[in-house]
Protein backbone atom coordinates (compact mmCIF):
# COMPACT_ATOMS: atom_id res chain seq x y z
CA MET A 1 0.10 0.06 0.08
CA ASN A 2 1.02 3.55 -0.43
CA VAL A 3 0.95 4.97 3.16
CA THR A 4 0.96 8.62 3.76
CA VAL A 5 2.64 9.82 7.36
CA PHE A 6 1.24 13.12 8.66
CA GLY A 7 3.37 14.67 11.21
CA GLY A 8 5.28 17.77 12.97
CA ALA A 9 8.33 19.22 11.53
CA GLN A 10 9.70 19.84 14.54
CA PRO A 11 11.36 17.04 16.31
CA LYS A 12 15.00 16.82 16.13
CA GLU A 13 17.08 13.50 15.83
CA GLY A 14 17.55 12.04 19.06
CA THR A 15 13.99 13.06 20.50
CA SER A 16 11.71 10.83 21.17
CA ALA A 17 9.33 11.95 18.70
CA TYR A 18 12.02 11.64 15.96
CA GLU A 19 12.97 7.69 17.23
CA GLU A 20 9.09 7.09 17.17
CA ALA A 21 8.80 8.36 13.53
CA ARG A 22 11.69 6.53 12.58
CA GLU A 23 10.49 3.32 13.78
CA LEU A 24 7.19 3.64 12.13
CA GLY A 25 9.41 4.26 8.65
CA THR A 26 11.12 0.98 9.50
CA LEU A 27 8.06 -1.08 9.90
CA LEU A 28 6.17 0.29 7.21
CA ALA A 29 8.92 -0.42 4.81
CA GLN A 30 9.52 -3.82 6.52
CA ARG A 31 5.91 -4.71 5.45
CA GLY A 32 6.26 -3.54 2.14
CA HIS A 33 4.57 -0.29 2.00
CA VAL A 34 5.34 2.79 0.16
CA VAL A 35 6.18 5.78 2.36
CA LEU A 36 4.40 8.88 1.19
CA ASN A 37 5.01 12.35 3.38
CA GLY A 38 5.92 16.20 3.14
CA GLY A 39 9.59 15.37 2.28
CA TYR A 40 11.06 17.91 4.84
CA MET A 41 12.37 17.60 8.06
CA GLY A 42 11.21 16.55 11.75
CA THR A 43 9.14 13.46 11.47
CA MET A 44 9.03 13.67 7.80
CA GLU A 45 12.65 13.20 7.92
CA ALA A 46 12.55 10.78 10.55
CA VAL A 47 9.82 8.56 8.95
CA SER A 48 11.65 8.74 5.47
CA ARG A 49 15.15 7.85 6.96
CA GLY A 50 13.61 4.85 8.76
CA ALA A 51 11.65 3.45 5.60
CA HIS A 52 14.91 4.32 3.40
CA GLU A 53 17.16 2.40 5.86
CA ALA A 54 14.91 -0.48 5.88
CA GLY A 55 15.13 -0.79 1.99
CA GLY A 56 11.72 0.88 1.21
CA HIS A 57 10.53 3.32 -1.13
CA VAL A 58 10.00 7.08 0.03
CA ILE A 59 7.85 9.75 -1.80
CA GLY A 60 8.08 13.27 -0.93
CA VAL A 61 5.53 15.48 -1.73
CA THR A 62 7.07 19.03 -1.46
CA CYS A 63 6.00 22.34 -2.86
CA ILE A 64 7.03 25.97 -3.78
CA ASP A 65 4.65 27.71 -0.91
CA ILE A 66 6.60 25.62 1.93
CA GLU A 67 10.35 26.17 0.49
CA GLU A 68 9.70 30.03 -0.08
CA TRP A 69 8.13 30.24 3.60
CA ARG A 70 10.83 27.77 5.37
CA LYS A 71 13.64 28.18 2.56
CA SER A 72 14.05 24.33 2.84
CA LYS A 73 14.77 21.43 0.77
CA PRO A 74 13.98 17.86 0.77
CA ASN A 75 15.44 15.28 3.18
CA PRO A 76 18.20 13.11 1.84
CA TRP A 77 15.87 9.96 2.21
CA VAL A 78 13.54 11.07 -0.23
CA LYS A 79 13.74 9.02 -3.30
CA GLU A 80 11.25 10.22 -5.30
CA GLU A 81 9.89 13.89 -5.20
CA ARG A 82 6.26 14.76 -6.23
CA ARG A 83 7.00 18.73 -6.44
CA LYS A 84 4.09 20.85 -6.13
CA LYS A 85 3.21 24.40 -6.83
CA THR A 86 1.07 25.23 -3.76
CA LEU A 87 0.35 23.93 -0.04
CA MET A 88 -3.24 22.86 -1.30
CA ASP A 89 -1.73 20.86 -4.36
CA ARG A 90 0.38 19.13 -1.63
CA LEU A 91 -2.03 18.17 0.57
CA THR A 92 -4.37 16.85 -2.02
CA ALA A 93 -1.52 14.76 -3.19
CA LEU A 94 -0.80 13.52 0.06
CA VAL A 95 -4.71 12.78 0.78
CA GLU A 96 -5.44 11.28 -2.82
CA GLY A 97 -2.17 9.40 -3.08
CA CYS A 98 -2.33 6.96 -0.31
CA ASP A 99 -4.43 4.04 0.43
CA ALA A 100 -4.06 4.58 4.37
CA ALA A 101 -2.66 7.63 6.33
CA ILE A 102 -1.04 7.82 9.75
CA ALA A 103 -0.96 10.87 11.89
CA LEU A 104 1.86 11.12 14.52
CA PRO A 105 1.78 14.21 16.86
CA GLY A 106 2.25 17.56 15.32
CA GLY A 107 1.04 21.13 14.91
CA ALA A 108 -1.60 23.12 12.80
CA GLY A 109 -0.51 21.62 9.63
CA THR A 110 -0.96 18.31 10.83
CA LEU A 111 -4.25 19.02 12.24
CA THR A 112 -5.30 20.47 9.18
CA GLU A 113 -4.09 17.19 7.19
CA VAL A 114 -6.04 14.92 9.46
CA SER A 115 -9.30 17.20 9.21
CA LEU A 116 -9.22 17.40 5.32
CA MET A 117 -9.04 13.87 4.68
CA TRP A 118 -11.41 12.98 7.44
CA ASN A 119 -13.79 15.44 5.92
CA LEU A 120 -13.23 14.29 2.51
CA MET A 121 -14.22 10.70 3.97
CA ILE A 122 -17.38 12.06 5.44
CA VAL A 123 -18.64 13.83 2.49
CA GLU A 124 -17.43 10.58 0.17
CA SER A 125 -15.13 12.42 -2.16
CA LEU A 126 -12.63 10.12 -0.74
CA PRO A 127 -13.21 6.67 -0.47
CA ARG A 128 -13.27 5.33 2.92
CA ARG A 129 -9.70 4.18 4.04
CA PRO A 130 -7.78 3.84 7.31
CA LEU A 131 -6.95 7.01 9.09
CA ILE A 132 -4.85 6.17 12.10
CA LEU A 133 -3.96 8.66 14.75
CA ILE A 134 -1.15 8.04 17.13
CA GLY A 135 -0.88 9.07 20.62
CA ARG A 136 -2.62 10.47 23.45
CA GLY A 137 -2.82 13.80 22.28
CA TRP A 138 -4.79 12.93 19.44
CA GLN A 139 -7.31 10.98 21.70
CA SER A 140 -7.62 13.56 24.22
CA THR A 141 -8.05 16.11 21.33
CA PHE A 142 -10.77 14.42 19.77
CA ASP A 143 -12.39 13.25 22.94
CA GLN A 144 -12.92 16.82 23.75
CA PHE A 145 -14.05 17.90 20.17
CA PHE A 146 -16.69 15.06 19.97
CA GLY A 147 -17.91 16.07 23.57
CA GLU A 148 -18.31 19.17 22.82
CA PHE A 149 -19.62 19.08 19.14
CA GLU A 150 -21.57 15.71 19.73
CA SER A 151 -24.56 16.72 17.91
CA TYR A 152 -22.85 17.73 14.73
CA MET A 153 -21.08 14.39 14.23
CA PRO A 154 -23.04 11.16 14.07
CA ILE A 155 -20.95 7.97 15.22
CA HIS A 156 -20.46 6.86 11.85
CA GLN A 157 -18.19 10.05 11.08
CA ARG A 158 -16.12 9.56 13.92
CA ASP A 159 -15.91 5.68 13.32
CA LEU A 160 -13.38 7.21 10.56
CA LEU A 161 -10.81 7.52 12.60
CA TYR A 162 -8.76 5.27 14.54
CA PHE A 163 -6.65 5.71 17.60
CA ALA A 164 -3.61 4.20 18.31
CA GLY A 165 -1.46 4.31 21.38
CA ASP A 166 1.72 3.92 19.47
CA VAL A 167 3.56 3.03 16.10
CA LYS A 168 2.88 -0.77 16.95
CA ASP A 169 -0.80 -0.29 17.77
CA ALA A 170 -0.93 1.53 14.53
CA MET A 171 0.71 -1.18 12.39
CA ASN A 172 -1.30 -3.85 14.08
CA TYR A 173 -4.51 -2.13 12.78
CA LEU A 174 -3.29 -1.13 9.44
């Protein structure tokens, strides 16, 4: 399968977040999956590195908008770059180009990616596929969201999200 991994750009090598992302990349590659991600630093770099070191194929979906804003280039473990002009084009490619998606912890960009994919599945613009959110932060965020806005989201919409405690749990679900 093509598996998109969403996650934050902040984690640095040696941190637990980076190592968790690297482990995820390794596990995905060992199971024969192609890894797609945003192609830059942080968890994107770590997942790419883990997948590459395990012999997997890594696709980085990059864009001019990000590179002009952040002055960054793709990480060295990206083997295939799919360069887009805009951030919206990049988001579309990451969401539509996968058979499943996994979200590691992250910030506003990661939340946007998760929300976009979830909403596209809700309105059936995107066929249903696994959307796995790793970590206590996602679970507590969505528990509060569901609690506050319960009447806006029928249970079948909530069931489109799977919450995993860690990368091994995510892989078992996948």
